[in-house]
Amino acid sequence: MVSFIDTRRRERRGTVAMPGAIRHNVTCRSNVSVGDLSARGCRILTRDEGIAVGTSVFVRLNELAPLRATVRWRGEG
């Protein structure tokens, strides 16, 4: 089930909790948890602290093809 949260974004994001993976650089791959999903973005929880704002990454959700994305912000930790 997906519920929607109220934000100031252009699109509403559905609250989800699903496994995923991101790849940055050529060889760095991390398993992640994906949340707050919309057609234009998502929130990714990861323990990989080496991903800076502006980094280009590939995000994979379930068995779908990877999508290119750019890190727009990051929280502490």
C-alpha atoms as a PDB file:
ATOM      1  CA  MET A   1       0.000   0.000   0.000  1.00  0.00           C
ATOM      2  CA  VAL A   2       1.242   3.476  -0.873  1.00  0.00           C
ATOM      3  CA  SER A   3       0.218   6.555   1.126  1.00  0.00           C
ATOM      4  CA  PHE A   4       0.958  10.126   0.137  1.00  0.00           C
ATOM      5  CA  ILE A   5       2.718  12.738   2.234  1.00  0.00           C
ATOM      6  CA  ASP A   6       2.120  16.473   2.067  1.00  0.00           C
ATOM      7  CA  THR A   7       5.219  18.318   0.824  1.00  0.00           C
ATOM      8  CA  ARG A   8       6.113  21.458  -1.098  1.00  0.00           C
ATOM      9  CA  ARG A   9       7.330  19.460  -4.078  1.00  0.00           C
ATOM     10  CA  ARG A  10       5.893  19.787  -7.577  1.00  0.00           C
ATOM     11  CA  GLU A  11       4.639  16.217  -7.379  1.00  0.00           C
ATOM     12  CA  ARG A  12       3.279  14.244  -4.488  1.00  0.00           C
ATOM     13  CA  ARG A  13       5.540  11.419  -3.376  1.00  0.00           C
ATOM     14  CA  GLY A  14       4.140   8.129  -2.222  1.00  0.00           C
ATOM     15  CA  THR A  15       5.546   6.727   0.989  1.00  0.00           C
ATOM     16  CA  VAL A  16       7.085   3.346   0.188  1.00  0.00           C
ATOM     17  CA  ALA A  17       9.657   1.047   1.733  1.00  0.00           C
ATOM     18  CA  MET A  18      11.350  -1.100  -0.867  1.00  0.00           C
ATOM     19  CA  PRO A  19      14.802  -2.503  -1.448  1.00  0.00           C
ATOM     20  CA  GLY A  20      16.933  -1.100  -4.208  1.00  0.00           C
ATOM     21  CA  ALA A  21      20.508  -0.513  -5.254  1.00  0.00           C
ATOM     22  CA  ILE A  22      22.571   2.425  -6.436  1.00  0.00           C
ATOM     23  CA  ARG A  23      25.776   2.483  -8.426  1.00  0.00           C
ATOM     24  CA  HIS A  24      28.168   5.406  -8.561  1.00  0.00           C
ATOM     25  CA  ASN A  25      31.599   5.618 -10.099  1.00  0.00           C
ATOM     26  CA  VAL A  26      32.220   2.477 -12.110  1.00  0.00           C
ATOM     27  CA  THR A  27      32.590  -0.098  -9.366  1.00  0.00           C
ATOM     28  CA  CYS A  28      30.768   1.276  -6.289  1.00  0.00           C
ATOM     29  CA  ARG A  29      27.432  -0.458  -5.722  1.00  0.00           C
ATOM     30  CA  SER A  30      25.339  -0.173  -2.565  1.00  0.00           C
ATOM     31  CA  ASN A  31      22.146  -1.851  -1.459  1.00  0.00           C
ATOM     32  CA  VAL A  32      19.680   0.790  -0.270  1.00  0.00           C
ATOM     33  CA  SER A  33      16.168   1.312   1.004  1.00  0.00           C
ATOM     34  CA  VAL A  34      13.969   3.481  -1.227  1.00  0.00           C
ATOM     35  CA  GLY A  35      11.197   5.707   0.101  1.00  0.00           C
ATOM     36  CA  ASP A  36       9.063   8.730  -0.824  1.00  0.00           C
ATOM     37  CA  LEU A  37       8.796   7.755  -4.487  1.00  0.00           C
ATOM     38  CA  SER A  38       7.433   9.869  -7.369  1.00  0.00           C
ATOM     39  CA  ALA A  39       7.975  10.059 -11.117  1.00  0.00           C
ATOM     40  CA  ARG A  40      10.674  12.722 -10.565  1.00  0.00           C
ATOM     41  CA  GLY A  41      12.522  11.484  -7.514  1.00  0.00           C
ATOM     42  CA  CYS A  42      12.818   9.424  -4.402  1.00  0.00           C
ATOM     43  CA  ARG A  43      14.446   9.327  -1.013  1.00  0.00           C
ATOM     44  CA  ILE A  44      17.229   6.769  -0.646  1.00  0.00           C
ATOM     45  CA  LEU A  45      18.536   5.545   2.682  1.00  0.00           C
ATOM     46  CA  THR A  46      22.094   4.220   2.533  1.00  0.00           C
ATOM     47  CA  ARG A  47      25.083   3.734   4.794  1.00  0.00           C
ATOM     48  CA  ASP A  48      27.436   4.799   1.987  1.00  0.00           C
ATOM     49  CA  GLU A  49      28.704   8.206   3.102  1.00  0.00           C
ATOM     50  CA  GLY A  50      30.890   8.702   0.018  1.00  0.00           C
ATOM     51  CA  ILE A  51      28.108   9.982  -2.248  1.00  0.00           C
ATOM     52  CA  ALA A  52      28.205  13.782  -2.549  1.00  0.00           C
ATOM     53  CA  VAL A  53      25.559  16.208  -3.756  1.00  0.00           C
ATOM     54  CA  GLY A  54      25.826  16.489  -7.538  1.00  0.00           C
ATOM     55  CA  THR A  55      26.997  12.888  -7.983  1.00  0.00           C
ATOM     56  CA  SER A  56      25.472  11.011 -10.905  1.00  0.00           C
ATOM     57  CA  VAL A  57      24.158   7.609  -9.838  1.00  0.00           C
ATOM     58  CA  PHE A  58      22.173   4.731 -11.297  1.00  0.00           C
ATOM     59  CA  VAL A  59      19.191   3.651  -9.204  1.00  0.00           C
ATOM     60  CA  ARG A  60      17.704   0.174  -9.543  1.00  0.00           C
ATOM     61  CA  LEU A  61      14.319  -0.680  -8.036  1.00  0.00           C
ATOM     62  CA  ASN A  62      13.433  -4.357  -7.783  1.00  0.00           C
ATOM     63  CA  GLU A  63      14.029  -5.972 -11.181  1.00  0.00           C
ATOM     64  CA  LEU A  64      13.542  -2.800 -13.240  1.00  0.00           C
ATOM     65  CA  ALA A  65      16.251  -1.383 -15.475  1.00  0.00           C
ATOM     66  CA  PRO A  66      18.560   1.102 -13.725  1.00  0.00           C
ATOM     67  CA  LEU A  67      17.675   4.790 -14.027  1.00  0.00           C
ATOM     68  CA  ARG A  68      20.226   7.611 -14.097  1.00  0.00           C
ATOM     69  CA  ALA A  69      19.739  10.150 -11.315  1.00  0.00           C
ATOM     70  CA  THR A  70      21.584  13.025  -9.663  1.00  0.00           C
ATOM     71  CA  VAL A  71      21.959  13.418  -5.914  1.00  0.00           C
ATOM     72  CA  ARG A  72      20.232  16.730  -5.084  1.00  0.00           C
ATOM     73  CA  TRP A  73      20.622  16.788  -1.295  1.00  0.00           C
ATOM     74  CA  ARG A  74      21.755  14.593   1.534  1.00  0.00           C
ATOM     75  CA  GLY A  75      21.065  14.499   5.226  1.00  0.00           C
ATOM     76  CA  GLU A  76      23.472  13.962   8.054  1.00  0.00           C
ATOM     77  CA  GLY A  77      24.547  10.359   8.521  1.00  0.00           C
END
